[in-house]
Protein backbone atom coordinates (compact mmCIF):
# COMPACT_ATOMS: atom_id res chain seq x y z
CA UNK A 1 9.91 -12.62 -17.55
CA UNK A 2 9.09 -8.98 -18.99
CA UNK A 3 6.07 -7.54 -17.43
CA UNK A 4 5.11 -3.90 -17.50
CA UNK A 5 4.67 -3.19 -13.84
CA UNK A 6 2.69 0.00 -12.82
CA UNK A 7 3.18 1.04 -8.99
CA UNK A 8 0.03 2.68 -7.64
CA UNK A 9 0.13 4.90 -4.66
CA UNK A 10 -3.38 5.69 -3.29
CA UNK A 11 -2.80 9.05 -1.28
CA UNK A 12 -6.12 10.72 -1.12
CA UNK A 13 -6.81 9.97 2.36
CA UNK A 14 -6.99 12.47 5.33
CA UNK A 15 -5.39 10.57 7.97
CA UNK A 16 -7.61 11.65 10.62
CA UNK A 17 -6.05 9.26 13.32
CA UNK A 18 -2.80 11.66 13.28
CA UNK A 19 -4.91 14.57 14.69
CA UNK A 20 -2.58 16.88 12.56
CA UNK A 21 -2.90 20.04 10.38
CA UNK A 22 -2.62 18.16 6.94
CA UNK A 23 -3.09 14.72 5.68
CA UNK A 24 -0.41 12.35 7.09
CA UNK A 25 1.41 11.52 3.78
CA UNK A 26 2.79 15.34 3.93
CA UNK A 27 3.89 15.00 7.36
CA UNK A 28 7.94 15.72 7.32
CA UNK A 29 10.26 13.07 8.52
CA UNK A 30 13.89 14.02 8.06
CA UNK A 31 13.08 17.00 6.12
CA UNK A 32 11.10 15.07 3.44
CA UNK A 33 7.03 14.50 3.36
CA UNK A 34 6.09 10.68 4.08
CA UNK A 35 4.93 10.58 0.45
CA UNK A 36 8.32 11.17 -1.20
CA UNK A 37 10.13 8.77 1.08
CA UNK A 38 7.30 6.20 0.14
CA UNK A 39 7.86 7.10 -3.87
CA UNK A 40 11.90 6.67 -3.78
CA UNK A 41 12.12 2.76 -3.82
CA UNK A 42 9.44 2.81 -6.94
CA UNK A 43 11.42 5.73 -8.67
CA UNK A 44 14.60 4.04 -8.16
CA UNK A 45 13.34 0.53 -9.32
CA UNK A 46 14.30 -0.18 -12.93
CA UNK A 47 11.48 -3.05 -13.38
CA UNK A 48 8.87 -0.32 -12.62
CA UNK A 49 7.63 1.83 -15.90
CA UNK A 50 5.41 4.02 -14.26
CA UNK A 51 4.10 5.31 -10.69
CA UNK A 52 0.37 6.51 -10.57
CA UNK A 53 -0.50 8.64 -7.30
CA UNK A 54 -3.92 9.10 -6.64
CA UNK A 55 -4.59 12.45 -4.89
CA UNK A 56 -7.84 14.03 -3.41
CA UNK A 57 -9.21 16.43 -5.92
CA UNK A 58 -9.87 18.87 -3.05
CA UNK A 59 -6.10 18.39 -1.83
CA UNK A 60 -4.23 21.80 -1.42
CA UNK A 61 -0.79 20.11 -1.01
CA UNK A 62 0.12 17.82 -3.82
CA UNK A 63 0.60 20.86 -6.09
CA UNK A 64 3.45 22.03 -4.01
CA UNK A 65 5.77 18.75 -4.14
CA UNK A 66 8.27 18.70 -6.60
CA UNK A 67 8.63 15.05 -6.68
CA UNK A 68 5.25 14.77 -8.23
CA UNK A 69 6.32 16.20 -11.42
CA UNK A 70 8.70 13.58 -12.08
CA UNK A 71 8.36 12.00 -15.57
CA UNK A 72 7.95 8.47 -14.22
CA UNK A 73 4.79 9.78 -11.89
CA UNK A 74 1.31 10.37 -12.90
CA UNK A 75 -1.78 12.00 -11.10
CA UNK A 76 -5.17 10.97 -11.06
CA UNK A 77 -7.77 11.86 -8.66
CA UNK A 78 -8.55 9.36 -5.88
CA UNK A 79 -12.10 8.52 -4.69
CA UNK A 80 -14.55 8.06 -1.73
CA UNK A 81 -12.58 5.44 -0.13
CA UNK A 82 -8.97 3.61 -0.64
CA UNK A 83 -10.78 1.15 -3.02
CA UNK A 84 -12.22 3.76 -5.10
CA UNK A 85 -8.59 5.47 -5.37
CA UNK A 86 -6.88 2.20 -6.48
CA UNK A 87 -9.84 1.57 -8.71
CA UNK A 88 -9.50 4.98 -10.39
CA UNK A 89 -5.72 4.57 -11.03
CA UNK A 90 -6.29 1.08 -12.20
CA UNK A 91 -8.42 2.74 -15.27
CA UNK A 92 -4.72 3.91 -16.68
CA UNK A 93 -3.29 0.43 -17.00
CA UNK A 94 -3.32 -1.58 -20.04
CA UNK A 95 -4.47 -5.33 -20.11
CA UNK A 96 -1.11 -7.32 -19.64
CA UNK A 97 -0.09 -5.01 -17.18
CA UNK A 98 0.78 -5.98 -13.68
CA UNK A 99 -0.45 -3.60 -10.54
CA UNK A 100 1.97 -3.00 -7.51
CA UNK A 101 -0.21 -1.27 -4.76
CA UNK A 102 1.33 0.44 -1.90
CA UNK A 103 0.18 2.66 0.97
CA UNK A 104 1.16 6.27 0.74
CA UNK A 105 1.85 5.86 4.55
CA UNK A 106 4.54 3.14 4.23
CA UNK A 107 7.91 5.06 4.17
CA UNK A 108 10.56 2.28 5.16
CA UNK A 109 9.77 -0.15 2.41
CA UNK A 110 13.06 -2.23 1.87
CA UNK A 111 14.47 -2.95 -1.76
CA UNK A 112 15.07 -6.46 -0.98
CA UNK A 113 11.51 -6.75 0.02
CA UNK A 114 10.24 -5.48 -3.19
CA UNK A 115 12.45 -7.35 -5.08
CA UNK A 116 11.06 -10.68 -3.63
CA UNK A 117 7.42 -9.77 -4.31
CA UNK A 118 8.23 -9.10 -8.08
CA UNK A 119 9.52 -12.40 -8.24
CA UNK A 120 6.26 -13.76 -8.38
CA UNK A 121 4.73 -14.64 -11.77
CA UNK A 122 1.72 -16.60 -10.51
CA UNK A 123 -1.58 -14.84 -11.61
CA UNK A 124 -3.20 -15.24 -8.37
CA UNK A 125 -0.82 -12.29 -7.22
CA UNK A 126 0.87 -11.87 -3.94
CA UNK A 127 1.15 -9.32 -1.14
CA UNK A 128 4.05 -8.62 1.55
CA UNK A 129 3.24 -10.08 4.80
CA UNK A 130 4.56 -10.79 8.18
CA UNK A 131 3.52 -13.81 10.59
CA UNK A 132 1.50 -12.64 13.53
CA UNK A 133 3.56 -12.41 16.86
CA UNK A 134 1.15 -11.12 19.07
CA UNK A 135 -1.24 -13.05 21.11
CA UNK A 136 -4.84 -12.20 19.37
CA UNK A 137 -8.03 -12.04 21.13
CA UNK A 138 -11.77 -12.35 19.35
CA UNK A 139 -14.45 -10.32 20.91
CA UNK A 140 -17.91 -9.97 19.82
CA UNK A 141 -19.10 -7.01 21.85
CA UNK A 142 -15.67 -4.95 21.93
CA UNK A 143 -15.50 -5.32 25.88
CA UNK A 144 -15.04 -8.90 26.41
CA UNK A 145 -12.80 -11.55 25.02
CA UNK A 146 -14.47 -14.69 23.42
CA UNK A 147 -11.54 -16.63 22.70
CA UNK A 148 -7.85 -16.33 21.48
CA UNK A 149 -7.13 -16.67 17.89
CA UNK A 150 -4.74 -19.41 16.95
CA UNK A 151 -1.59 -17.16 15.41
CA UNK A 152 -0.18 -20.21 14.00
CA UNK A 153 -2.53 -19.38 11.13
CA UNK A 154 -2.65 -15.41 10.98
CA UNK A 155 -0.15 -12.97 9.15
CA UNK A 156 -0.32 -9.63 8.98
CA UNK A 157 -0.89 -7.89 5.67
CA UNK A 158 1.54 -5.16 4.43
CA UNK A 159 1.74 -3.70 1.08
CA UNK A 160 2.73 -3.62 -1.76
CA UNK A 161 0.53 -6.16 -3.03
CA UNK A 162 0.98 -7.26 -6.70
CA UNK A 163 -1.89 -8.74 -9.08
CA UNK A 164 -2.10 -8.48 -12.65
CA UNK A 165 -4.20 -5.28 -13.31
CA UNK A 166 -7.11 -6.56 -15.11
CA UNK A 167 -7.96 -9.23 -12.59
CA UNK A 168 -7.51 -6.60 -9.52
CA UNK A 169 -9.77 -4.06 -11.35
CA UNK A 170 -12.44 -6.68 -12.26
CA UNK A 171 -12.36 -7.91 -8.67
CA UNK A 172 -12.78 -4.59 -7.31
CA UNK A 173 -15.36 -3.64 -9.68
CA UNK A 174 -17.26 -6.62 -8.39
CA UNK A 175 -17.25 -6.14 -4.90
CA UNK A 176 -18.46 -2.47 -5.55
CA UNK A 177 -21.30 -4.11 -7.27
CA UNK A 178 -22.20 -6.41 -4.46
CA UNK A 179 -21.65 -3.84 -2.04
CA UNK A 180 -18.99 -5.61 -0.16
CA UNK A 181 -16.23 -4.32 2.06
CA UNK A 182 -12.54 -4.10 0.65
CA UNK A 183 -9.73 -3.74 2.95
CA UNK A 184 -7.06 -4.22 0.62
CA UNK A 185 -6.38 -5.33 -2.74
CA UNK A 186 -5.96 -8.94 -1.47
CA UNK A 187 -9.36 -8.94 0.02
CA UNK A 188 -11.06 -8.09 -3.39
CA UNK A 189 -9.20 -10.75 -5.04
CA UNK A 190 -10.05 -13.35 -2.16
CA UNK A 191 -13.75 -12.46 -2.93
CA UNK A 192 -13.34 -13.48 -6.26
CA UNK A 193 -12.23 -17.10 -5.18
CA UNK A 194 -8.32 -16.22 -5.64
CA UNK A 195 -5.71 -17.26 -3.04
CA UNK A 196 -3.01 -14.86 -3.34
CA UNK A 197 0.76 -15.91 -2.27
CA UNK A 198 2.09 -14.58 0.71
CA UNK A 199 5.33 -13.00 0.75
CA UNK A 200 7.24 -12.72 4.24
CA UNK A 201 8.46 -9.19 4.52
CA UNK A 202 9.88 -7.24 7.05
CA UNK A 203 8.34 -5.86 10.19
CA UNK A 204 9.76 -2.58 9.71
CA UNK A 205 7.55 -1.84 6.60
CA UNK A 206 5.00 0.06 9.21
CA UNK A 207 2.06 2.09 7.96
CA UNK A 208 2.22 5.48 10.05
CA UNK A 209 -1.08 5.86 11.27
CA UNK A 210 -0.78 7.61 14.78
CA UNK A 211 1.28 10.11 16.13
CA UNK A 212 3.67 7.65 17.68
CA UNK A 213 4.47 5.98 14.61
CA UNK A 214 6.35 9.17 13.30
CA UNK A 215 9.27 8.46 15.51
CA UNK A 216 9.48 4.76 15.19
CA UNK A 217 9.42 5.58 11.09
CA UNK A 218 12.08 8.06 11.42
CA UNK A 219 14.30 5.67 13.29
CA UNK A 220 13.87 2.98 10.66
CA UNK A 221 14.79 5.66 7.80
CA UNK A 222 17.64 6.62 9.83
CA UNK A 223 18.91 3.17 10.40
CA UNK A 224 18.28 2.24 6.90
CA UNK A 225 20.44 5.26 5.54
CA UNK A 226 23.30 4.41 7.79
CA UNK A 227 23.28 0.70 6.45
CA UNK A 228 23.49 1.71 2.90
């Protein structure tokens, strides 16, 4: 099936939990920024026609990143939240396009996972995810446990997440109008009654959120290089 697939990378966040002197996507691992590592699988994939990177209008760092001048990459300004940044990027897509949204701070995506996700043709879309292996506790007050969730029915959502662009744009716009919280693209689709597919991905597709994640991401990236 021939489709016009556009990757969207929301990269306008500040990453406050990293307690760093710059947004986490510009922190370096093995001499490259996290964002550079993140972009590589999309730049190298022949099925992805374009990559739209949403950056903050007040970001002083993106102009110095040579990779962002690649002819396959287009920049847009992000918004107040991740969802707003994705929505701004979606304005650049055409009817019939498919949007492949990936976190800027997930630098360890493997080609095999990307290929699996791109095989999905159902218009409900799909996300990469992993089955939950930890015991999950529910609390109402943040201090005491109310009960233990049944992890047999729980999955950990990852990115990329893959949807028909027009449907995703409409779903996000609807959530904005209703003032509903959107934690990822799938959640916007779910609010519209859509049931996206789960595509089991690798657990090493981590999101760099806290300082200790940098060392783990470096380990996975190094291991991936050794296995090439």
